[in-house]
Amino acid sequence: MNPTDGSIRKKTSFYYPLLLLPPEKRRGLEALYRFCWTADEISDSSDSLTLKKQKLQIFKKELAACLAGKSQKPLFKNLEETIRLFNLSREPLLRILLGVERDLKPVRFKKFSELHRYALQVAGGPGLASMEIFGFNAAAHQTYAENLGVFLQIVNMTRDYREDMALGRQYFPTEDFKKFHLTPALIEENNSHWVSFVEFQLNRAWTFLEKARGSLTRRQRSQLATAEAITAVYIKLFQKLRIYPRAILKGKTTLSGPEKILSVLGAAGRCFLWRWAGD
């Protein structure tokens, strides 16, 4: 499959960042992302809970066959090739399915620790696997990947608040809603507490970005241009959500193609400068 085809453009903000990679790694990341998307589609579908559980069990068996080098379906054959080429660990892939399994039923997190654990599954898992495709698996790179994943996930949760609530998923902790005197399903656009609530969530997300950045030097980060470009795209989204918090309740906040391209080019330029300027 061509990792820069139209489906990738439509499905992810990662399209332009992926263009910074050589073809082999780009194909590897697409195989990983398609695995993640297909798993997500199981929990996001309108099927009954029983059918979702059945589909997830089949998906788990297909992954087990993939990990054993016995894939049958194209999706898993591509993933199997990626696992072989980049020596991917199985733990990040299994993490992802734990997150998908959590989404089968309505979500009601009470404390941030629950949200954090979930984010380490659905975003930390892909982040760790991506880092192995990039060619880095040191502890510092794993810390970078996990914390960056949590940043991306909280930004996603903020953007997708209305959509997630419609699916019965209250990702933000009950303790946070109580803190800001909000009732999750009854928030109006002119509610001033909502603005403070969004700012609180985005500030929390930013702390994880800072942790990610602090785990590596700039020269080390310069070798991760694609990850830095993805970060730049999400920082642009973060800024838009912060400026227009009430728009979250109206619909999905998105970035234009030019906004994404400029973010990616800026990140690529910074990585080039860091590589030559030293730490």
C-alpha atoms as a PDB file:
ATOM      1  CA  MET A   1       0.000   0.000   0.000  1.00  0.00           C
ATOM      2  CA  ASN A   2       1.126   3.520  -0.637  1.00  0.00           C
ATOM      3  CA  PRO A   3       1.438   5.295   2.740  1.00  0.00           C
ATOM      4  CA  THR A   4       0.730   8.637   1.165  1.00  0.00           C
ATOM      5  CA  ASP A   5      -2.540   7.713  -0.547  1.00  0.00           C
ATOM      6  CA  GLY A   6      -5.858   9.508  -0.118  1.00  0.00           C
ATOM      7  CA  SER A   7      -7.035   7.302   2.753  1.00  0.00           C
ATOM      8  CA  ILE A   8      -4.083   8.356   4.885  1.00  0.00           C
ATOM      9  CA  ARG A   9      -4.746  11.985   4.041  1.00  0.00           C
ATOM     10  CA  LYS A  10      -8.347  11.641   5.228  1.00  0.00           C
ATOM     11  CA  LYS A  11      -7.728   9.540   8.322  1.00  0.00           C
ATOM     12  CA  THR A  12      -4.903  11.272  10.127  1.00  0.00           C
ATOM     13  CA  SER A  13      -3.060  14.469  10.887  1.00  0.00           C
ATOM     14  CA  PHE A  14       0.104  12.394  10.393  1.00  0.00           C
ATOM     15  CA  TYR A  15      -0.013  12.493   6.598  1.00  0.00           C
ATOM     16  CA  TYR A  16       2.447  15.362   6.106  1.00  0.00           C
ATOM     17  CA  PRO A  17       4.818  14.319   8.929  1.00  0.00           C
ATOM     18  CA  LEU A  18       5.100  10.861   7.350  1.00  0.00           C
ATOM     19  CA  LEU A  19       6.504  12.457   4.203  1.00  0.00           C
ATOM     20  CA  LEU A  20       9.681  13.223   6.161  1.00  0.00           C
ATOM     21  CA  LEU A  21      10.482   9.506   6.414  1.00  0.00           C
ATOM     22  CA  PRO A  22      12.262   7.251   3.916  1.00  0.00           C
ATOM     23  CA  PRO A  23       9.843   4.922   2.061  1.00  0.00           C
ATOM     24  CA  GLU A  24      10.553   1.766   4.093  1.00  0.00           C
ATOM     25  CA  LYS A  25       9.873   3.434   7.449  1.00  0.00           C
ATOM     26  CA  ARG A  26       6.875   5.241   5.993  1.00  0.00           C
ATOM     27  CA  ARG A  27       5.379   1.908   4.936  1.00  0.00           C
ATOM     28  CA  GLY A  28       6.125   0.514   8.386  1.00  0.00           C
ATOM     29  CA  LEU A  29       4.309   3.334  10.127  1.00  0.00           C
ATOM     30  CA  GLU A  30       1.352   3.000   7.804  1.00  0.00           C
ATOM     31  CA  ALA A  31       1.080  -0.711   8.634  1.00  0.00           C
ATOM     32  CA  LEU A  32       1.122   0.190  12.326  1.00  0.00           C
ATOM     33  CA  TYR A  33      -1.462   2.959  11.946  1.00  0.00           C
ATOM     34  CA  ARG A  34      -3.769   0.759   9.880  1.00  0.00           C
ATOM     35  CA  PHE A  35      -3.592  -1.847  12.641  1.00  0.00           C
ATOM     36  CA  CYS A  36      -4.577   0.835  15.165  1.00  0.00           C
ATOM     37  CA  TRP A  37      -7.407   2.231  12.998  1.00  0.00           C
ATOM     38  CA  THR A  38      -8.863  -1.201  12.296  1.00  0.00           C
ATOM     39  CA  ALA A  39      -8.837  -2.034  15.998  1.00  0.00           C
ATOM     40  CA  ASP A  40     -10.492   1.319  16.788  1.00  0.00           C
ATOM     41  CA  GLU A  41     -13.219   0.622  14.246  1.00  0.00           C
ATOM     42  CA  ILE A  42     -14.285  -2.409  16.265  1.00  0.00           C
ATOM     43  CA  SER A  43     -15.007  -0.352  19.377  1.00  0.00           C
ATOM     44  CA  ASP A  44     -16.377   2.643  17.436  1.00  0.00           C
ATOM     45  CA  SER A  45     -18.895   0.642  15.402  1.00  0.00           C
ATOM     46  CA  SER A  46     -22.622   0.548  16.085  1.00  0.00           C
ATOM     47  CA  ASP A  47     -22.521  -3.238  16.598  1.00  0.00           C
ATOM     48  CA  SER A  48     -23.837  -4.831  19.759  1.00  0.00           C
ATOM     49  CA  LEU A  49     -21.456  -5.316  22.661  1.00  0.00           C
ATOM     50  CA  THR A  50     -21.549  -9.079  22.093  1.00  0.00           C
ATOM     51  CA  LEU A  51     -20.572  -8.709  18.445  1.00  0.00           C
ATOM     52  CA  LYS A  52     -17.831  -6.210  19.283  1.00  0.00           C
ATOM     53  CA  LYS A  53     -16.346  -8.656  21.796  1.00  0.00           C
ATOM     54  CA  GLN A  54     -16.445 -11.424  19.194  1.00  0.00           C
ATOM     55  CA  LYS A  55     -14.718  -9.248  16.604  1.00  0.00           C
ATOM     56  CA  LEU A  56     -12.046  -8.182  19.088  1.00  0.00           C
ATOM     57  CA  GLN A  57     -11.354 -11.810  20.018  1.00  0.00           C
ATOM     58  CA  ILE A  58     -10.894 -12.648  16.338  1.00  0.00           C
ATOM     59  CA  PHE A  59      -8.633  -9.595  15.963  1.00  0.00           C
ATOM     60  CA  LYS A  60      -6.535 -10.761  18.934  1.00  0.00           C
ATOM     61  CA  LYS A  61      -6.169 -14.215  17.384  1.00  0.00           C
ATOM     62  CA  GLU A  62      -5.090 -12.636  14.102  1.00  0.00           C
ATOM     63  CA  LEU A  63      -2.478 -10.580  15.957  1.00  0.00           C
ATOM     64  CA  ALA A  64      -1.241 -13.725  17.727  1.00  0.00           C
ATOM     65  CA  ALA A  65      -0.863 -15.418  14.340  1.00  0.00           C
ATOM     66  CA  CYS A  66       0.935 -12.330  13.056  1.00  0.00           C
ATOM     67  CA  LEU A  67       3.370 -12.385  15.980  1.00  0.00           C
ATOM     68  CA  ALA A  68       3.993 -16.074  15.251  1.00  0.00           C
ATOM     69  CA  GLY A  69       4.743 -15.296  11.603  1.00  0.00           C
ATOM     70  CA  LYS A  70       1.578 -16.969  10.319  1.00  0.00           C
ATOM     71  CA  SER A  71      -0.534 -14.062   9.070  1.00  0.00           C
ATOM     72  CA  GLN A  72      -3.324 -14.715   6.603  1.00  0.00           C
ATOM     73  CA  LYS A  73      -4.964 -11.337   6.016  1.00  0.00           C
ATOM     74  CA  PRO A  74      -3.285  -8.444   4.138  1.00  0.00           C
ATOM     75  CA  LEU A  75      -3.504  -6.087   7.148  1.00  0.00           C
ATOM     76  CA  PHE A  76      -1.592  -8.495   9.344  1.00  0.00           C
ATOM     77  CA  LYS A  77       0.798  -9.593   6.605  1.00  0.00           C
ATOM     78  CA  ASN A  78       1.872  -5.953   6.282  1.00  0.00           C
ATOM     79  CA  LEU A  79       2.186  -5.673  10.055  1.00  0.00           C
ATOM     80  CA  GLU A  80       4.146  -8.936  10.180  1.00  0.00           C
ATOM     81  CA  GLU A  81       6.595  -7.556   7.633  1.00  0.00           C
ATOM     82  CA  THR A  82       6.950  -4.394   9.718  1.00  0.00           C
ATOM     83  CA  ILE A  83       7.572  -6.437  12.881  1.00  0.00           C
ATOM     84  CA  ARG A  84      10.260  -8.419  11.052  1.00  0.00           C
ATOM     85  CA  LEU A  85      11.982  -5.429   9.471  1.00  0.00           C
ATOM     86  CA  PHE A  86      12.096  -3.274  12.597  1.00  0.00           C
ATOM     87  CA  ASN A  87      12.122  -5.963  15.267  1.00  0.00           C
ATOM     88  CA  LEU A  88       8.998  -4.542  16.897  1.00  0.00           C
ATOM     89  CA  SER A  89       8.181  -5.571  20.446  1.00  0.00           C
ATOM     90  CA  ARG A  90       4.830  -7.234  21.067  1.00  0.00           C
ATOM     91  CA  GLU A  91       4.059  -5.350  24.303  1.00  0.00           C
ATOM     92  CA  PRO A  92       3.138  -2.014  22.619  1.00  0.00           C
ATOM     93  CA  LEU A  93       0.795  -3.841  20.214  1.00  0.00           C
ATOM     94  CA  LEU A  94      -0.907  -5.681  23.058  1.00  0.00           C
ATOM     95  CA  ARG A  95      -1.234  -2.383  24.934  1.00  0.00           C
ATOM     96  CA  ILE A  96      -3.206  -0.926  22.064  1.00  0.00           C
ATOM     97  CA  LEU A  97      -5.768  -3.739  22.232  1.00  0.00           C
ATOM     98  CA  LEU A  98      -6.177  -3.221  25.982  1.00  0.00           C
ATOM     99  CA  GLY A  99      -7.254   0.343  25.219  1.00  0.00           C
ATOM    100  CA  VAL A 100      -9.637  -0.823  22.496  1.00  0.00           C
ATOM    101  CA  GLU A 101     -11.145  -3.355  24.894  1.00  0.00           C
ATOM    102  CA  ARG A 102     -11.701  -0.579  27.433  1.00  0.00           C
ATOM    103  CA  ASP A 103     -13.684   1.348  24.812  1.00  0.00           C
ATOM    104  CA  LEU A 104     -16.134  -1.478  24.169  1.00  0.00           C
ATOM    105  CA  LYS A 105     -18.250  -0.365  27.109  1.00  0.00           C
ATOM    106  CA  PRO A 106     -19.209   3.173  28.207  1.00  0.00           C
ATOM    107  CA  VAL A 107     -16.252   4.973  29.784  1.00  0.00           C
ATOM    108  CA  ARG A 108     -16.541   6.815  33.076  1.00  0.00           C
ATOM    109  CA  PHE A 109     -13.146   7.672  34.479  1.00  0.00           C
ATOM    110  CA  LYS A 110     -13.283   8.921  38.047  1.00  0.00           C
ATOM    111  CA  LYS A 111      -9.665   9.977  38.508  1.00  0.00           C
ATOM    112  CA  PHE A 112      -6.876  11.196  36.270  1.00  0.00           C
ATOM    113  CA  SER A 113      -4.829   8.078  37.022  1.00  0.00           C
ATOM    114  CA  GLU A 114      -7.417   6.076  35.041  1.00  0.00           C
ATOM    115  CA  LEU A 115      -7.228   8.453  32.083  1.00  0.00           C
ATOM    116  CA  HIS A 116      -3.431   8.355  32.215  1.00  0.00           C
ATOM    117  CA  ARG A 117      -3.373   4.545  32.196  1.00  0.00           C
ATOM    118  CA  TYR A 118      -5.733   4.505  29.233  1.00  0.00           C
ATOM    119  CA  ALA A 119      -3.670   7.097  27.328  1.00  0.00           C
ATOM    120  CA  LEU A 120      -0.530   4.995  27.843  1.00  0.00           C
ATOM    121  CA  GLN A 121      -2.375   2.162  26.115  1.00  0.00           C
ATOM    122  CA  VAL A 122      -4.055   3.833  23.146  1.00  0.00           C
ATOM    123  CA  ALA A 123      -1.373   6.476  22.492  1.00  0.00           C
ATOM    124  CA  GLY A 124       1.673   5.215  24.390  1.00  0.00           C
ATOM    125  CA  GLY A 125       1.476   1.846  22.633  1.00  0.00           C
ATOM    126  CA  PRO A 126       1.612   3.308  19.116  1.00  0.00           C
ATOM    127  CA  GLY A 127       4.253   5.779  20.291  1.00  0.00           C
ATOM    128  CA  LEU A 128       6.579   3.046  21.542  1.00  0.00           C
ATOM    129  CA  ALA A 129       6.099   0.991  18.378  1.00  0.00           C
ATOM    130  CA  SER A 130       6.717   4.081  16.230  1.00  0.00           C
ATOM    131  CA  MET A 131       9.932   4.777  18.107  1.00  0.00           C
ATOM    132  CA  GLU A 132      11.173   1.279  17.249  1.00  0.00           C
ATOM    133  CA  ILE A 133      10.377   1.919  13.593  1.00  0.00           C
ATOM    134  CA  PHE A 134      12.359   5.152  13.820  1.00  0.00           C
ATOM    135  CA  GLY A 135      15.243   3.025  15.134  1.00  0.00           C
ATOM    136  CA  PHE A 136      15.378   4.055  18.794  1.00  0.00           C
ATOM    137  CA  ASN A 137      14.504   1.983  21.853  1.00  0.00           C
ATOM    138  CA  ALA A 138      16.599   3.436  24.689  1.00  0.00           C
ATOM    139  CA  ALA A 139      14.808   4.226  27.953  1.00  0.00           C
ATOM    140  CA  ALA A 140      14.933   7.980  27.236  1.00  0.00           C
ATOM    141  CA  HIS A 141      13.289   7.482  23.849  1.00  0.00           C
ATOM    142  CA  GLN A 142      10.587   5.343  25.448  1.00  0.00           C
ATOM    143  CA  THR A 143       9.935   8.093  28.005  1.00  0.00           C
ATOM    144  CA  TYR A 144       9.697  10.590  25.151  1.00  0.00           C
ATOM    145  CA  ALA A 145       7.259   8.382  23.248  1.00  0.00           C
ATOM    146  CA  GLU A 146       4.969   7.695  26.193  1.00  0.00           C
ATOM    147  CA  ASN A 147       4.733  11.274  27.406  1.00  0.00           C
ATOM    148  CA  LEU A 148       4.296  12.605  23.892  1.00  0.00           C
ATOM    149  CA  GLY A 149       1.527  10.053  23.409  1.00  0.00           C
ATOM    150  CA  VAL A 150      -0.292  11.298  26.518  1.00  0.00           C
ATOM    151  CA  PHE A 151      -0.015  14.881  25.252  1.00  0.00           C
ATOM    152  CA  LEU A 152      -1.484  13.919  21.877  1.00  0.00           C
ATOM    153  CA  GLN A 153      -4.247  11.887  23.484  1.00  0.00           C
ATOM    154  CA  ILE A 154      -5.426  14.614  25.857  1.00  0.00           C
ATOM    155  CA  VAL A 155      -5.492  17.105  22.983  1.00  0.00           C
ATOM    156  CA  ASN A 156      -7.524  14.579  20.983  1.00  0.00           C
ATOM    157  CA  MET A 157      -9.913  14.067  23.886  1.00  0.00           C
ATOM    158  CA  THR A 158     -10.408  17.802  24.204  1.00  0.00           C
ATOM    159  CA  ARG A 159     -11.098  18.212  20.493  1.00  0.00           C
ATOM    160  CA  ASP A 160     -13.409  15.180  20.340  1.00  0.00           C
ATOM    161  CA  TYR A 161     -15.319  15.875  23.559  1.00  0.00           C
ATOM    162  CA  ARG A 162     -18.764  16.125  21.973  1.00  0.00           C
ATOM    163  CA  GLU A 163     -18.229  13.120  19.699  1.00  0.00           C
ATOM    164  CA  ASP A 164     -16.896  10.960  22.539  1.00  0.00           C
ATOM    165  CA  MET A 165     -19.784  11.849  24.842  1.00  0.00           C
ATOM    166  CA  ALA A 166     -22.207  10.781  22.108  1.00  0.00           C
ATOM    167  CA  LEU A 167     -20.470   7.379  22.124  1.00  0.00           C
ATOM    168  CA  GLY A 168     -20.842   7.123  25.899  1.00  0.00           C
ATOM    169  CA  ARG A 169     -17.207   7.925  26.617  1.00  0.00           C
ATOM    170  CA  GLN A 170     -16.491  10.354  29.423  1.00  0.00           C
ATOM    171  CA  TYR A 171     -12.724  10.326  29.289  1.00  0.00           C
ATOM    172  CA  PHE A 172     -12.150  13.380  31.448  1.00  0.00           C
ATOM    173  CA  PRO A 173     -12.323  12.399  35.114  1.00  0.00           C
ATOM    174  CA  THR A 174     -15.433  12.951  37.188  1.00  0.00           C
ATOM    175  CA  GLU A 175     -13.240  14.715  39.741  1.00  0.00           C
ATOM    176  CA  ASP A 176     -12.409  17.368  37.111  1.00  0.00           C
ATOM    177  CA  PHE A 177     -16.041  18.047  36.273  1.00  0.00           C
ATOM    178  CA  LYS A 178     -16.809  18.419  39.973  1.00  0.00           C
ATOM    179  CA  LYS A 179     -13.872  20.783  40.387  1.00  0.00           C
ATOM    180  CA  PHE A 180     -15.312  23.102  37.739  1.00  0.00           C
ATOM    181  CA  HIS A 181     -18.973  22.630  38.743  1.00  0.00           C
ATOM    182  CA  LEU A 182     -19.917  21.023  35.439  1.00  0.00           C
ATOM    183  CA  THR A 183     -22.366  18.277  34.537  1.00  0.00           C
ATOM    184  CA  PRO A 184     -20.777  16.443  31.545  1.00  0.00           C
ATOM    185  CA  ALA A 185     -23.894  15.983  29.412  1.00  0.00           C
ATOM    186  CA  LEU A 186     -25.388  19.412  30.200  1.00  0.00           C
ATOM    187  CA  ILE A 187     -22.717  21.928  29.249  1.00  0.00           C
ATOM    188  CA  GLU A 188     -23.835  24.964  27.271  1.00  0.00           C
ATOM    189  CA  GLU A 189     -21.591  26.988  24.990  1.00  0.00           C
ATOM    190  CA  ASN A 190     -21.835  30.125  27.154  1.00  0.00           C
ATOM    191  CA  ASN A 191     -20.812  28.313  30.351  1.00  0.00           C
ATOM    192  CA  SER A 192     -17.743  30.161  31.661  1.00  0.00           C
ATOM    193  CA  HIS A 193     -16.714  27.113  33.703  1.00  0.00           C
ATOM    194  CA  TRP A 194     -16.281  25.189  30.452  1.00  0.00           C
ATOM    195  CA  VAL A 195     -13.619  27.654  29.306  1.00  0.00           C
ATOM    196  CA  SER A 196     -11.680  27.128  32.539  1.00  0.00           C
ATOM    197  CA  PHE A 197     -12.173  23.371  32.262  1.00  0.00           C
ATOM    198  CA  VAL A 198     -10.692  23.269  28.745  1.00  0.00           C
ATOM    199  CA  GLU A 199      -7.765  25.430  29.814  1.00  0.00           C
ATOM    200  CA  PHE A 200      -7.123  23.058  32.721  1.00  0.00           C
ATOM    201  CA  GLN A 201      -7.082  20.000  30.449  1.00  0.00           C
ATOM    202  CA  LEU A 202      -4.806  21.646  27.898  1.00  0.00           C
ATOM    203  CA  ASN A 203      -2.409  22.814  30.617  1.00  0.00           C
ATOM    204  CA  ARG A 204      -2.269  19.242  31.884  1.00  0.00           C
ATOM    205  CA  ALA A 205      -1.540  18.026  28.363  1.00  0.00           C
ATOM    206  CA  TRP A 206       1.291  20.541  28.060  1.00  0.00           C
ATOM    207  CA  THR A 207       3.019  19.168  31.166  1.00  0.00           C
ATOM    208  CA  PHE A 208       3.364  15.831  29.380  1.00  0.00           C
ATOM    209  CA  LEU A 209       4.787  17.517  26.304  1.00  0.00           C
ATOM    210  CA  GLU A 210       7.374  19.173  28.531  1.00  0.00           C
ATOM    211  CA  LYS A 211       8.230  15.809  30.083  1.00  0.00           C
ATOM    212  CA  ALA A 212       8.679  14.343  26.622  1.00  0.00           C
ATOM    213  CA  ARG A 213      10.912  17.179  25.499  1.00  0.00           C
ATOM    214  CA  GLY A 214      12.930  17.044  28.698  1.00  0.00           C
ATOM    215  CA  SER A 215      13.794  13.388  28.227  1.00  0.00           C
ATOM    216  CA  LEU A 216      15.926  14.022  25.121  1.00  0.00           C
ATOM    217  CA  THR A 217      18.410  16.668  24.046  1.00  0.00           C
ATOM    218  CA  ARG A 218      17.639  18.814  21.030  1.00  0.00           C
ATOM    219  CA  ARG A 219      20.208  16.907  19.007  1.00  0.00           C
ATOM    220  CA  GLN A 220      18.477  13.635  19.892  1.00  0.00           C
ATOM    221  CA  ARG A 221      15.101  15.144  18.999  1.00  0.00           C
ATOM    222  CA  SER A 222      16.546  16.311  15.670  1.00  0.00           C
ATOM    223  CA  GLN A 223      16.761  12.635  14.697  1.00  0.00           C
ATOM    224  CA  LEU A 224      13.017  12.333  15.247  1.00  0.00           C
ATOM    225  CA  ALA A 225      11.801  14.829  12.671  1.00  0.00           C
ATOM    226  CA  THR A 226       8.550  12.959  12.041  1.00  0.00           C
ATOM    227  CA  ALA A 227       7.669  12.819  15.751  1.00  0.00           C
ATOM    228  CA  GLU A 228       8.579  16.490  16.127  1.00  0.00           C
ATOM    229  CA  ALA A 229       6.441  17.328  13.082  1.00  0.00           C
ATOM    230  CA  ILE A 230       3.471  15.445  14.528  1.00  0.00           C
ATOM    231  CA  THR A 231       4.022  17.386  17.741  1.00  0.00           C
ATOM    232  CA  ALA A 232       4.063  20.672  15.825  1.00  0.00           C
ATOM    233  CA  VAL A 233       0.747  19.853  14.149  1.00  0.00           C
ATOM    234  CA  TYR A 234      -0.807  19.053  17.512  1.00  0.00           C
ATOM    235  CA  ILE A 235       0.603  22.194  19.091  1.00  0.00           C
ATOM    236  CA  LYS A 236      -1.189  24.160  16.375  1.00  0.00           C
ATOM    237  CA  LEU A 237      -4.396  22.278  17.203  1.00  0.00           C
ATOM    238  CA  PHE A 238      -3.744  22.855  20.923  1.00  0.00           C
ATOM    239  CA  GLN A 239      -3.486  26.596  20.277  1.00  0.00           C
ATOM    240  CA  LYS A 240      -6.719  26.674  18.301  1.00  0.00           C
ATOM    241  CA  LEU A 241      -8.592  24.778  21.012  1.00  0.00           C
ATOM    242  CA  ARG A 242      -7.250  27.164  23.618  1.00  0.00           C
ATOM    243  CA  ILE A 243      -8.344  30.227  21.664  1.00  0.00           C
ATOM    244  CA  TYR A 244     -11.779  28.825  20.763  1.00  0.00           C
ATOM    245  CA  PRO A 245     -12.821  26.502  23.641  1.00  0.00           C
ATOM    246  CA  ARG A 246     -16.534  27.054  23.057  1.00  0.00           C
ATOM    247  CA  ALA A 247     -16.208  25.815  19.477  1.00  0.00           C
ATOM    248  CA  ILE A 248     -15.515  22.328  20.874  1.00  0.00           C
ATOM    249  CA  LEU A 249     -19.175  22.069  21.891  1.00  0.00           C
ATOM    250  CA  LYS A 250     -20.339  23.009  18.390  1.00  0.00           C
ATOM    251  CA  GLY A 251     -18.304  20.554  16.335  1.00  0.00           C
ATOM    252  CA  LYS A 252     -14.874  19.172  15.591  1.00  0.00           C
ATOM    253  CA  THR A 253     -12.026  21.699  15.512  1.00  0.00           C
ATOM    254  CA  THR A 254      -9.756  20.973  12.562  1.00  0.00           C
ATOM    255  CA  LEU A 255      -6.619  22.322  10.924  1.00  0.00           C
ATOM    256  CA  SER A 256      -6.394  23.279   7.274  1.00  0.00           C
ATOM    257  CA  GLY A 257      -3.890  21.701   4.926  1.00  0.00           C
ATOM    258  CA  PRO A 258      -1.713  24.855   4.863  1.00  0.00           C
ATOM    259  CA  GLU A 259      -1.694  24.995   8.680  1.00  0.00           C
ATOM    260  CA  LYS A 260      -0.451  21.416   8.824  1.00  0.00           C
ATOM    261  CA  ILE A 261       2.154  21.953   6.116  1.00  0.00           C
ATOM    262  CA  LEU A 262       3.560  25.073   7.790  1.00  0.00           C
ATOM    263  CA  SER A 263       3.733  23.236  11.125  1.00  0.00           C
ATOM    264  CA  VAL A 264       5.608  20.327   9.550  1.00  0.00           C
ATOM    265  CA  LEU A 265       8.016  22.574   7.665  1.00  0.00           C
ATOM    266  CA  GLY A 266       8.738  24.524  10.841  1.00  0.00           C
ATOM    267  CA  ALA A 267       9.508  21.330  12.752  1.00  0.00           C
ATOM    268  CA  ALA A 268      11.723  20.027   9.942  1.00  0.00           C
ATOM    269  CA  GLY A 269      13.617  23.317   9.906  1.00  0.00           C
ATOM    270  CA  ARG A 270      14.159  23.244  13.673  1.00  0.00           C
ATOM    271  CA  CYS A 271      15.425  19.671  13.524  1.00  0.00           C
ATOM    272  CA  PHE A 272      17.902  20.653  10.808  1.00  0.00           C
ATOM    273  CA  LEU A 273      19.208  23.537  12.900  1.00  0.00           C
ATOM    274  CA  TRP A 274      19.427  21.441  16.094  1.00  0.00           C
ATOM    275  CA  ARG A 275      21.408  18.799  14.258  1.00  0.00           C
ATOM    276  CA  TRP A 276      24.107  21.305  13.375  1.00  0.00           C
ATOM    277  CA  ALA A 277      23.966  23.596  16.356  1.00  0.00           C
ATOM    278  CA  GLY A 278      24.628  20.882  18.943  1.00  0.00           C
ATOM    279  CA  ASP A 279      22.939  20.477  22.314  1.00  0.00           C
END
